[in-house]
N, C-alpha and C. Protein backbone atom coordinates (compact mmCIF):
# COMPACT_ATOMS: atom_id res chain seq x y z
N GLN A 1 -32.92 -17.27 -25.57
CA GLN A 1 -31.95 -16.25 -25.04
C GLN A 1 -31.82 -16.39 -23.62
N LYS A 2 -30.66 -16.53 -23.18
CA LYS A 2 -30.59 -16.81 -21.61
C LYS A 2 -30.63 -15.58 -20.78
N PRO A 3 -31.11 -15.48 -19.60
CA PRO A 3 -31.14 -14.25 -18.95
C PRO A 3 -29.80 -13.82 -18.33
N PRO A 4 -29.76 -12.46 -18.13
CA PRO A 4 -28.40 -12.02 -17.74
C PRO A 4 -28.13 -12.52 -16.31
N GLU A 5 -26.77 -12.64 -16.14
CA GLU A 5 -26.38 -13.23 -14.96
C GLU A 5 -26.56 -12.09 -13.77
N PRO A 6 -26.84 -12.50 -12.53
CA PRO A 6 -27.07 -11.49 -11.51
C PRO A 6 -25.88 -10.75 -11.21
N ALA A 7 -26.02 -9.44 -10.88
CA ALA A 7 -25.00 -8.54 -10.62
C ALA A 7 -24.44 -8.82 -9.27
N PRO A 8 -23.08 -8.51 -8.99
CA PRO A 8 -22.47 -8.71 -7.71
C PRO A 8 -23.23 -7.82 -6.81
N ALA A 9 -22.99 -8.31 -5.58
CA ALA A 9 -23.73 -7.52 -4.41
C ALA A 9 -23.29 -5.92 -4.30
N ALA A 10 -22.26 -5.72 -4.71
CA ALA A 10 -21.77 -4.39 -4.58
C ALA A 10 -21.70 -3.76 -5.99
N SER A 11 -23.01 -3.81 -6.69
CA SER A 11 -23.18 -3.32 -8.04
C SER A 11 -22.60 -1.95 -8.33
N GLY A 12 -21.90 -1.68 -9.25
CA GLY A 12 -21.40 -0.46 -9.71
C GLY A 12 -19.97 -0.21 -9.14
N MET A 13 -19.65 -1.20 -8.08
CA MET A 13 -18.10 -0.96 -7.59
C MET A 13 -17.17 -1.71 -8.14
N ASP A 14 -16.12 -1.10 -8.62
CA ASP A 14 -14.83 -1.76 -9.17
C ASP A 14 -14.23 -2.39 -8.05
N LEU A 15 -13.75 -3.67 -8.23
CA LEU A 15 -13.02 -4.29 -7.04
C LEU A 15 -11.61 -3.81 -7.05
N LEU A 16 -11.14 -3.01 -8.01
CA LEU A 16 -9.98 -2.52 -8.09
C LEU A 16 -9.81 -1.19 -7.93
N ASP A 17 -10.91 -0.40 -7.47
CA ASP A 17 -11.02 0.92 -7.36
C ASP A 17 -10.42 1.36 -6.11
N LEU A 18 -9.12 1.85 -6.27
CA LEU A 18 -8.18 2.35 -5.11
C LEU A 18 -8.64 3.76 -4.76
N ASP A 19 -9.47 4.56 -5.54
CA ASP A 19 -9.70 5.88 -5.15
C ASP A 19 -10.40 5.91 -3.80
N ASP A 20 -11.42 5.02 -3.75
CA ASP A 20 -12.21 4.99 -2.36
C ASP A 20 -11.42 4.60 -1.25
N MET A 21 -10.62 3.57 -1.34
CA MET A 21 -9.59 3.18 -0.20
C MET A 21 -8.66 4.31 0.23
N LEU A 22 -8.33 4.93 -0.85
CA LEU A 22 -7.12 6.00 -0.48
C LEU A 22 -7.64 7.37 -0.19
N GLY A 23 -8.94 7.52 -0.11
CA GLY A 23 -9.41 8.91 0.04
C GLY A 23 -9.71 9.72 -0.90
N GLY A 24 -9.30 9.28 -2.14
CA GLY A 24 -9.77 10.07 -3.43
C GLY A 24 -11.25 9.92 -3.63
N GLY A 25 -11.68 10.76 -4.29
CA GLY A 25 -13.00 10.78 -4.84
C GLY A 25 -13.18 9.75 -6.07
N SER A 26 -14.35 9.05 -6.05
CA SER A 26 -14.51 8.25 -7.31
C SER A 26 -15.27 9.07 -8.47
N PRO A 27 -15.04 8.63 -9.52
CA PRO A 27 -15.83 9.46 -10.62
C PRO A 27 -17.35 9.23 -10.54
N ALA A 28 -17.90 10.28 -11.00
CA ALA A 28 -19.48 10.27 -10.84
C ALA A 28 -19.78 9.01 -11.65
N PRO A 29 -20.82 8.21 -11.12
CA PRO A 29 -21.59 7.19 -11.66
C PRO A 29 -22.39 7.57 -13.05
N ALA A 30 -22.24 6.68 -14.00
CA ALA A 30 -22.92 7.05 -15.30
C ALA A 30 -24.38 6.92 -15.02
N ALA A 31 -25.06 7.87 -15.96
CA ALA A 31 -26.45 7.85 -15.82
C ALA A 31 -27.07 6.40 -16.15
N PRO A 32 -28.11 6.19 -15.73
CA PRO A 32 -28.63 4.72 -15.76
C PRO A 32 -29.08 4.35 -17.19
N ALA A 33 -29.65 5.26 -17.91
CA ALA A 33 -30.05 4.90 -19.19
C ALA A 33 -28.85 4.69 -20.27
N PRO A 34 -27.82 5.63 -20.26
CA PRO A 34 -26.68 5.40 -21.10
C PRO A 34 -26.06 3.91 -20.82
N ALA A 35 -25.99 3.70 -19.40
CA ALA A 35 -25.16 2.49 -19.03
C ALA A 35 -25.89 1.25 -19.43
N ALA A 36 -27.17 1.25 -19.38
CA ALA A 36 -28.00 0.06 -19.75
C ALA A 36 -27.83 -0.26 -21.20
N ALA A 37 -27.78 0.88 -22.04
CA ALA A 37 -27.85 0.47 -23.45
C ALA A 37 -26.67 -0.25 -23.93
N PRO A 38 -25.34 0.12 -23.59
CA PRO A 38 -24.15 -0.68 -23.99
C PRO A 38 -24.14 -1.98 -23.44
N ALA A 39 -24.74 -2.29 -22.31
CA ALA A 39 -24.94 -3.56 -21.68
C ALA A 39 -25.84 -4.33 -22.49
N ALA A 40 -26.97 -3.85 -22.89
CA ALA A 40 -27.83 -4.61 -23.86
C ALA A 40 -27.15 -4.91 -25.15
N GLN A 41 -26.55 -4.17 -25.72
CA GLN A 41 -25.93 -4.31 -26.90
C GLN A 41 -24.67 -5.32 -26.80
N LEU A 42 -24.10 -5.40 -25.71
CA LEU A 42 -22.93 -6.40 -25.53
C LEU A 42 -23.24 -7.70 -24.89
N GLY A 43 -24.49 -8.03 -24.80
CA GLY A 43 -24.91 -9.06 -24.15
C GLY A 43 -25.14 -9.21 -22.71
N GLY A 44 -25.25 -7.93 -22.03
CA GLY A 44 -25.32 -7.93 -20.76
C GLY A 44 -24.14 -8.22 -19.90
N ASP A 45 -23.06 -8.17 -20.48
CA ASP A 45 -21.83 -8.59 -19.48
C ASP A 45 -21.37 -7.49 -18.76
N MET A 46 -21.55 -7.52 -17.51
CA MET A 46 -21.29 -6.43 -16.38
C MET A 46 -19.85 -5.96 -16.45
N LEU A 47 -18.88 -6.71 -16.88
CA LEU A 47 -17.33 -6.28 -16.97
C LEU A 47 -17.14 -5.27 -18.21
N LEU A 48 -17.98 -5.27 -19.06
CA LEU A 48 -18.05 -4.34 -20.23
C LEU A 48 -18.67 -3.00 -19.92
N LEU A 49 -19.25 -2.67 -18.99
CA LEU A 49 -19.95 -1.37 -18.66
C LEU A 49 -18.87 -0.35 -18.43
N ASP A 50 -17.64 -0.78 -17.91
CA ASP A 50 -16.51 0.33 -17.83
C ASP A 50 -16.00 0.68 -19.10
N MET A 51 -16.19 -0.11 -20.13
CA MET A 51 -15.75 0.50 -21.43
C MET A 51 -16.47 1.45 -22.03
N ASP A 52 -15.70 2.59 -22.66
CA ASP A 52 -16.26 3.61 -23.19
C ASP A 52 -16.82 3.29 -24.64
N VAL A 53 -18.18 2.77 -24.72
CA VAL A 53 -18.56 2.35 -25.88
C VAL A 53 -19.37 3.42 -26.57
N GLY A 54 -18.63 4.36 -27.18
CA GLY A 54 -19.25 5.65 -27.91
C GLY A 54 -19.63 6.69 -26.97
N GLY A 55 -19.45 6.53 -25.76
CA GLY A 55 -19.68 7.61 -24.85
C GLY A 55 -18.71 8.65 -24.68
N SER A 56 -18.79 9.57 -23.94
CA SER A 56 -17.81 10.51 -23.67
C SER A 56 -17.56 10.95 -22.18
N SER A 57 -17.41 9.69 -21.55
CA SER A 57 -17.23 9.99 -20.11
C SER A 57 -15.85 10.29 -19.94
N ALA A 58 -15.64 11.30 -18.86
CA ALA A 58 -14.37 11.69 -18.36
C ALA A 58 -13.54 10.61 -17.76
N PRO A 59 -12.30 10.62 -18.09
CA PRO A 59 -11.36 9.66 -17.30
C PRO A 59 -11.34 9.89 -15.72
N ALA A 60 -11.13 8.69 -15.10
CA ALA A 60 -11.27 8.84 -13.77
C ALA A 60 -9.79 9.51 -13.21
N PRO A 61 -10.06 10.29 -12.23
CA PRO A 61 -8.97 11.13 -11.63
C PRO A 61 -7.91 10.33 -11.01
N PRO A 62 -6.60 10.54 -11.01
CA PRO A 62 -5.57 9.83 -10.48
C PRO A 62 -5.87 9.78 -8.88
N PRO A 63 -5.26 8.57 -8.24
CA PRO A 63 -5.44 8.52 -6.72
C PRO A 63 -4.73 9.82 -6.17
N GLN A 64 -5.29 10.08 -4.94
CA GLN A 64 -4.65 10.99 -4.31
C GLN A 64 -3.34 10.75 -3.59
N GLN A 65 -3.28 9.45 -3.11
CA GLN A 65 -1.89 8.92 -2.69
C GLN A 65 -1.57 7.66 -3.31
N PRO A 66 -0.29 7.21 -3.25
CA PRO A 66 -0.08 5.87 -4.01
C PRO A 66 -0.49 4.92 -3.10
N ALA A 67 -0.71 3.60 -3.67
CA ALA A 67 -1.02 2.48 -2.88
C ALA A 67 0.13 1.92 -2.04
N HIS A 68 -0.07 1.20 -1.07
CA HIS A 68 1.04 0.81 -0.15
C HIS A 68 2.12 0.13 -0.89
N ILE A 69 3.30 0.40 -0.55
CA ILE A 69 4.57 -0.22 -1.10
C ILE A 69 4.56 -1.57 -0.43
N LEU A 70 4.33 -1.65 0.89
CA LEU A 70 4.74 -2.98 1.74
C LEU A 70 3.40 -3.31 2.43
N GLY A 71 3.22 -4.59 2.55
CA GLY A 71 2.10 -5.16 3.39
C GLY A 71 2.76 -5.72 4.40
N PRO A 72 2.14 -6.13 5.66
CA PRO A 72 2.69 -6.64 6.88
C PRO A 72 3.23 -7.95 6.67
N MET A 73 4.08 -8.29 7.26
CA MET A 73 4.77 -9.65 7.23
C MET A 73 5.16 -10.12 8.81
N GLN A 74 4.59 -11.19 9.06
CA GLN A 74 5.04 -11.75 10.50
C GLN A 74 6.35 -12.48 10.42
N ALA A 75 7.15 -12.07 11.36
CA ALA A 75 8.54 -12.60 11.23
C ALA A 75 8.99 -12.52 12.90
N THR A 76 9.93 -13.55 13.21
CA THR A 76 10.56 -13.34 14.42
C THR A 76 11.81 -12.74 14.31
N THR A 77 12.49 -12.29 15.41
CA THR A 77 13.91 -11.62 15.41
C THR A 77 14.92 -12.57 14.88
N ALA A 78 14.75 -13.87 15.03
CA ALA A 78 15.65 -14.94 14.55
C ALA A 78 15.59 -14.90 13.01
N GLN A 79 14.15 -14.99 12.66
CA GLN A 79 14.02 -15.06 11.03
C GLN A 79 14.58 -13.72 10.36
N VAL A 80 14.31 -12.61 11.00
CA VAL A 80 14.93 -11.39 10.31
C VAL A 80 16.38 -11.36 10.27
N GLY A 81 16.87 -11.80 11.41
CA GLY A 81 18.68 -12.08 11.53
C GLY A 81 19.17 -12.97 10.43
N ALA A 82 18.31 -14.10 10.35
CA ALA A 82 18.79 -14.98 9.27
C ALA A 82 18.86 -14.50 7.87
N MET A 83 17.73 -13.74 7.48
CA MET A 83 17.58 -13.15 6.07
C MET A 83 18.21 -11.91 5.79
N TRP A 84 18.42 -11.06 6.93
CA TRP A 84 18.96 -9.81 6.73
C TRP A 84 20.21 -9.55 5.85
N SER A 85 21.29 -10.58 6.07
CA SER A 85 22.41 -10.33 5.18
C SER A 85 22.28 -11.08 3.72
N SER A 86 21.08 -11.63 3.47
CA SER A 86 20.75 -12.18 2.14
C SER A 86 20.21 -10.97 1.43
N LEU A 87 19.79 -9.79 1.82
CA LEU A 87 19.03 -8.94 1.19
C LEU A 87 20.11 -7.69 0.82
N PRO A 88 20.36 -7.54 -0.46
CA PRO A 88 21.44 -6.79 -1.00
C PRO A 88 21.27 -5.31 -0.98
N SER A 89 19.91 -4.78 -0.97
CA SER A 89 19.84 -3.34 -1.08
C SER A 89 19.54 -2.79 0.46
N GLU A 90 20.42 -1.82 0.77
CA GLU A 90 20.23 -1.17 2.15
C GLU A 90 20.39 0.30 1.95
N ARG A 91 19.44 1.04 2.71
CA ARG A 91 19.31 2.57 2.55
C ARG A 91 19.29 2.91 4.14
N ARG A 92 20.09 3.78 4.51
CA ARG A 92 20.30 4.24 5.86
C ARG A 92 19.82 5.79 5.89
N VAL A 93 18.88 6.13 6.78
CA VAL A 93 18.51 7.51 6.83
C VAL A 93 18.51 7.97 8.26
N GLN A 94 18.91 9.29 8.57
CA GLN A 94 18.84 9.88 9.79
C GLN A 94 17.69 10.91 9.70
N ILE A 95 16.68 10.68 10.49
CA ILE A 95 15.50 11.66 10.79
C ILE A 95 15.57 12.41 11.93
N GLN A 96 15.24 13.64 11.83
CA GLN A 96 14.68 14.38 13.02
C GLN A 96 13.31 14.22 13.26
N THR A 97 13.29 13.58 14.49
CA THR A 97 11.99 13.18 14.75
C THR A 97 11.22 13.79 16.12
N SER A 98 10.02 13.77 16.17
CA SER A 98 9.36 13.98 17.35
C SER A 98 9.03 12.85 18.33
N LEU A 99 9.26 11.71 17.65
CA LEU A 99 9.04 10.49 18.45
C LEU A 99 9.70 10.46 19.78
N GLY A 100 8.96 9.98 20.91
CA GLY A 100 9.49 9.92 22.22
C GLY A 100 10.10 8.65 22.66
N ASN A 101 9.40 7.40 22.05
CA ASN A 101 9.88 6.18 22.45
C ASN A 101 9.55 5.27 21.36
N CYS A 102 9.97 4.03 21.41
CA CYS A 102 10.10 2.98 20.34
C CYS A 102 8.63 2.41 20.09
N GLN A 103 7.89 2.39 21.26
CA GLN A 103 6.41 2.10 20.97
C GLN A 103 5.65 2.95 20.06
N GLU A 104 5.97 4.20 20.17
CA GLU A 104 5.19 5.22 19.33
C GLU A 104 6.08 5.02 17.86
N MET A 105 7.30 4.67 17.79
CA MET A 105 7.99 4.55 16.51
C MET A 105 7.20 3.25 15.84
N MET A 106 6.99 2.24 16.56
CA MET A 106 6.47 1.06 16.04
C MET A 106 5.06 1.27 15.50
N PHE A 107 4.22 2.09 16.30
CA PHE A 107 2.84 2.32 16.04
C PHE A 107 2.86 3.09 14.61
N ARG A 108 3.68 4.19 14.53
CA ARG A 108 3.74 4.80 13.27
C ARG A 108 4.26 4.04 11.97
N LEU A 109 5.28 3.19 12.39
CA LEU A 109 5.71 2.28 11.16
C LEU A 109 4.48 1.33 10.82
N GLN A 110 3.75 0.82 11.75
CA GLN A 110 2.72 -0.07 11.48
C GLN A 110 1.58 0.63 10.61
N SER A 111 1.17 1.82 11.27
CA SER A 111 0.08 2.52 10.36
C SER A 111 0.42 3.23 9.21
N ALA A 112 1.56 3.89 9.20
CA ALA A 112 1.97 4.78 8.00
C ALA A 112 2.89 3.80 6.93
N VAL A 113 3.59 2.89 7.32
CA VAL A 113 4.56 2.27 6.39
C VAL A 113 3.89 0.84 6.09
N ASN A 114 2.99 0.35 6.89
CA ASN A 114 2.35 -0.86 6.73
C ASN A 114 3.13 -2.07 6.80
N VAL A 115 3.80 -2.06 7.91
CA VAL A 115 4.65 -3.20 8.30
C VAL A 115 4.24 -3.67 9.80
N SER A 116 4.72 -4.89 9.96
CA SER A 116 4.43 -5.62 11.31
C SER A 116 5.51 -5.44 12.27
N PRO A 117 5.27 -5.01 13.41
CA PRO A 117 6.18 -4.89 14.35
C PRO A 117 6.87 -6.23 14.67
N VAL A 118 8.29 -6.33 15.00
CA VAL A 118 8.82 -7.74 15.29
C VAL A 118 9.26 -7.87 16.68
N GLU A 119 10.05 -6.64 16.99
CA GLU A 119 10.46 -6.63 18.51
C GLU A 119 11.02 -5.34 18.69
N ILE A 120 10.95 -4.90 19.89
CA ILE A 120 11.53 -3.62 20.48
C ILE A 120 12.59 -4.12 21.60
N ILE A 121 13.75 -3.70 21.48
CA ILE A 121 14.90 -3.93 22.42
C ILE A 121 15.39 -2.62 22.79
N GLY A 122 15.15 -2.06 24.08
CA GLY A 122 15.63 -1.01 24.64
C GLY A 122 15.28 0.27 23.65
N THR A 123 16.26 0.90 23.01
CA THR A 123 15.90 2.10 22.08
C THR A 123 15.89 1.66 20.76
N GLU A 124 15.75 0.21 20.32
CA GLU A 124 15.73 -0.21 19.00
C GLU A 124 14.54 -0.96 18.57
N GLY A 125 14.16 -0.85 17.49
CA GLY A 125 12.97 -1.46 16.98
C GLY A 125 13.10 -2.25 15.58
N ILE A 126 12.63 -3.43 15.47
CA ILE A 126 12.61 -4.15 14.21
C ILE A 126 11.23 -4.41 13.70
N ALA A 127 11.01 -4.01 12.39
CA ALA A 127 9.72 -4.18 11.98
C ALA A 127 9.86 -4.93 10.44
N ALA A 128 8.85 -5.79 10.05
CA ALA A 128 9.01 -6.55 8.71
C ALA A 128 7.71 -6.26 8.02
N GLY A 129 8.14 -6.25 6.65
CA GLY A 129 7.14 -6.13 5.64
C GLY A 129 7.32 -7.00 4.49
N ARG A 130 6.48 -7.00 3.49
CA ARG A 130 6.59 -7.63 2.29
C ARG A 130 6.27 -6.87 1.24
N VAL A 131 7.02 -6.81 0.06
CA VAL A 131 7.01 -5.80 -0.96
C VAL A 131 5.79 -6.36 -1.86
N LEU A 132 4.67 -5.47 -1.93
CA LEU A 132 3.58 -5.71 -2.62
C LEU A 132 3.82 -5.53 -4.28
N PRO A 133 3.14 -6.28 -5.01
CA PRO A 133 2.17 -7.16 -4.75
C PRO A 133 2.79 -8.70 -4.45
N GLY A 134 3.96 -8.85 -4.20
CA GLY A 134 4.76 -10.09 -3.96
C GLY A 134 4.84 -10.35 -2.43
N ASN A 135 5.89 -11.14 -2.32
CA ASN A 135 6.31 -11.53 -0.92
C ASN A 135 7.76 -11.40 -0.58
N ASP A 136 8.53 -10.62 -1.34
CA ASP A 136 9.72 -10.37 -1.07
C ASP A 136 9.98 -9.60 0.27
N PRO A 137 10.78 -9.98 1.28
CA PRO A 137 10.82 -9.38 2.49
C PRO A 137 11.44 -8.04 2.37
N CYS A 138 11.00 -7.16 3.33
CA CYS A 138 11.70 -5.76 3.54
C CYS A 138 11.75 -5.59 4.91
N PHE A 139 12.81 -5.48 5.54
CA PHE A 139 13.09 -5.27 6.96
C PHE A 139 13.41 -3.73 7.22
N LEU A 140 12.94 -3.31 8.36
CA LEU A 140 13.36 -2.06 8.90
C LEU A 140 13.90 -2.02 10.34
N HIS A 141 15.03 -1.43 10.56
CA HIS A 141 15.60 -1.22 11.82
C HIS A 141 15.90 0.17 12.18
N GLY A 142 15.07 0.49 13.45
CA GLY A 142 15.24 1.97 13.95
C GLY A 142 16.01 1.92 15.31
N LYS A 143 16.68 2.94 15.23
CA LYS A 143 17.44 3.21 16.65
C LYS A 143 17.27 4.58 17.06
N LEU A 144 16.44 4.87 18.17
CA LEU A 144 15.98 6.19 18.58
C LEU A 144 16.86 6.72 19.57
N ALA A 145 17.36 7.87 19.50
CA ALA A 145 17.95 8.72 20.27
C ALA A 145 17.52 10.09 19.96
N PRO A 146 15.99 10.41 20.77
CA PRO A 146 15.54 11.86 20.54
C PRO A 146 16.41 12.73 20.45
N PRO A 147 16.42 13.79 19.68
CA PRO A 147 15.44 13.95 18.57
C PRO A 147 15.83 13.23 17.38
N ARG A 148 16.71 12.34 17.30
CA ARG A 148 17.19 11.67 16.03
C ARG A 148 16.74 10.14 16.13
N LEU A 149 16.52 9.84 14.76
CA LEU A 149 15.99 8.29 14.57
C LEU A 149 17.00 7.93 13.43
N ASP A 150 17.83 6.90 13.74
CA ASP A 150 18.48 6.19 12.68
C ASP A 150 17.70 5.05 11.93
N MET A 151 17.49 4.98 10.54
CA MET A 151 16.73 3.85 10.23
C MET A 151 17.48 3.39 9.13
N ILE A 152 17.29 2.04 9.10
CA ILE A 152 18.05 1.04 8.09
C ILE A 152 16.81 0.28 7.34
N VAL A 153 16.92 0.40 6.27
CA VAL A 153 15.74 -0.43 5.35
C VAL A 153 16.56 -1.47 4.55
N ARG A 154 16.19 -2.75 4.65
CA ARG A 154 16.97 -3.69 3.94
C ARG A 154 15.94 -4.50 3.06
N CYS A 155 16.27 -4.67 1.79
CA CYS A 155 15.34 -5.46 0.82
C CYS A 155 16.21 -5.78 -0.39
N ARG A 156 15.59 -6.56 -1.30
CA ARG A 156 16.22 -6.92 -2.53
C ARG A 156 16.43 -5.88 -3.58
N ASP A 157 15.42 -5.01 -3.68
CA ASP A 157 15.45 -4.13 -4.79
C ASP A 157 15.78 -2.71 -4.27
N ALA A 158 16.74 -1.85 -4.98
CA ALA A 158 17.35 -0.67 -4.41
C ALA A 158 16.17 0.37 -4.62
N GLY A 159 15.33 0.34 -5.50
CA GLY A 159 14.31 1.34 -5.73
C GLY A 159 13.11 1.31 -4.68
N VAL A 160 13.08 -0.03 -4.24
CA VAL A 160 12.07 -0.22 -3.13
C VAL A 160 12.70 0.37 -2.04
N ALA A 161 13.91 0.08 -1.62
CA ALA A 161 14.65 0.57 -0.53
C ALA A 161 14.67 2.04 -0.36
N ASP A 162 14.79 2.75 -1.54
CA ASP A 162 14.73 4.07 -1.31
C ASP A 162 13.22 4.74 -1.24
N ALA A 163 12.24 4.09 -1.81
CA ALA A 163 10.92 4.37 -1.61
C ALA A 163 10.62 4.32 -0.06
N VAL A 164 10.81 3.16 0.41
CA VAL A 164 10.47 2.93 1.81
C VAL A 164 11.22 3.86 2.83
N ALA A 165 12.49 4.16 2.54
CA ALA A 165 13.19 5.03 3.36
C ALA A 165 12.60 6.42 3.38
N ASP A 166 12.20 6.82 1.93
CA ASP A 166 11.51 8.27 1.97
C ASP A 166 10.25 8.33 2.64
N LEU A 167 9.45 7.17 2.64
CA LEU A 167 8.32 7.06 3.25
C LEU A 167 8.49 7.02 4.80
N CYS A 168 9.63 6.51 5.37
CA CYS A 168 9.95 6.49 6.84
C CYS A 168 10.25 7.88 7.20
N THR A 169 10.83 8.52 6.26
CA THR A 169 11.27 9.95 6.53
C THR A 169 10.21 10.94 6.85
N ARG A 170 9.21 10.68 5.81
CA ARG A 170 8.00 11.55 6.00
C ARG A 170 7.02 11.17 7.08
N SER A 171 7.09 9.92 7.34
CA SER A 171 6.07 9.36 8.49
C SER A 171 6.61 9.48 9.92
N LEU A 172 7.87 9.60 10.09
CA LEU A 172 8.45 9.40 11.42
C LEU A 172 9.16 10.91 11.70
N SER A 173 8.94 11.78 10.89
CA SER A 173 9.63 13.16 11.28
C SER A 173 8.91 13.78 12.38
């Protein structure tokens, strides 16, 4: 009989456990004795420990916040301009905002919407993201005239455009 394979360094941590990353609580760890018994019965496969093998563990609570829709994407203004018209879905929103300048707008877009700043020109800012889990581009253009902010979201999918525009409204108000 071969010895069991060594456990990963972060034993007991699910690599896809989004609850911890999003601020939600993770489920209580299983008691050591019941967790060891299924592993022994199933040949010591660490991946099978999460399976409910005759136990009555409660299901994990849903995450408190959704995962990011977008990931940052490095792009130049010329690249955004070249791709802008090829993206069929556009959503425009007017937001009553407390933002005072475009630097603050870009900081909030970067931290809350998870996009990369591209350029600020006067009272306008451009940001770029990629639709997760893939790489489809999503571009944002904001024109700030306090207390109003006009945002345009441009991407391939209308549902993504709506979700990003709603996120901008919540994040930039």
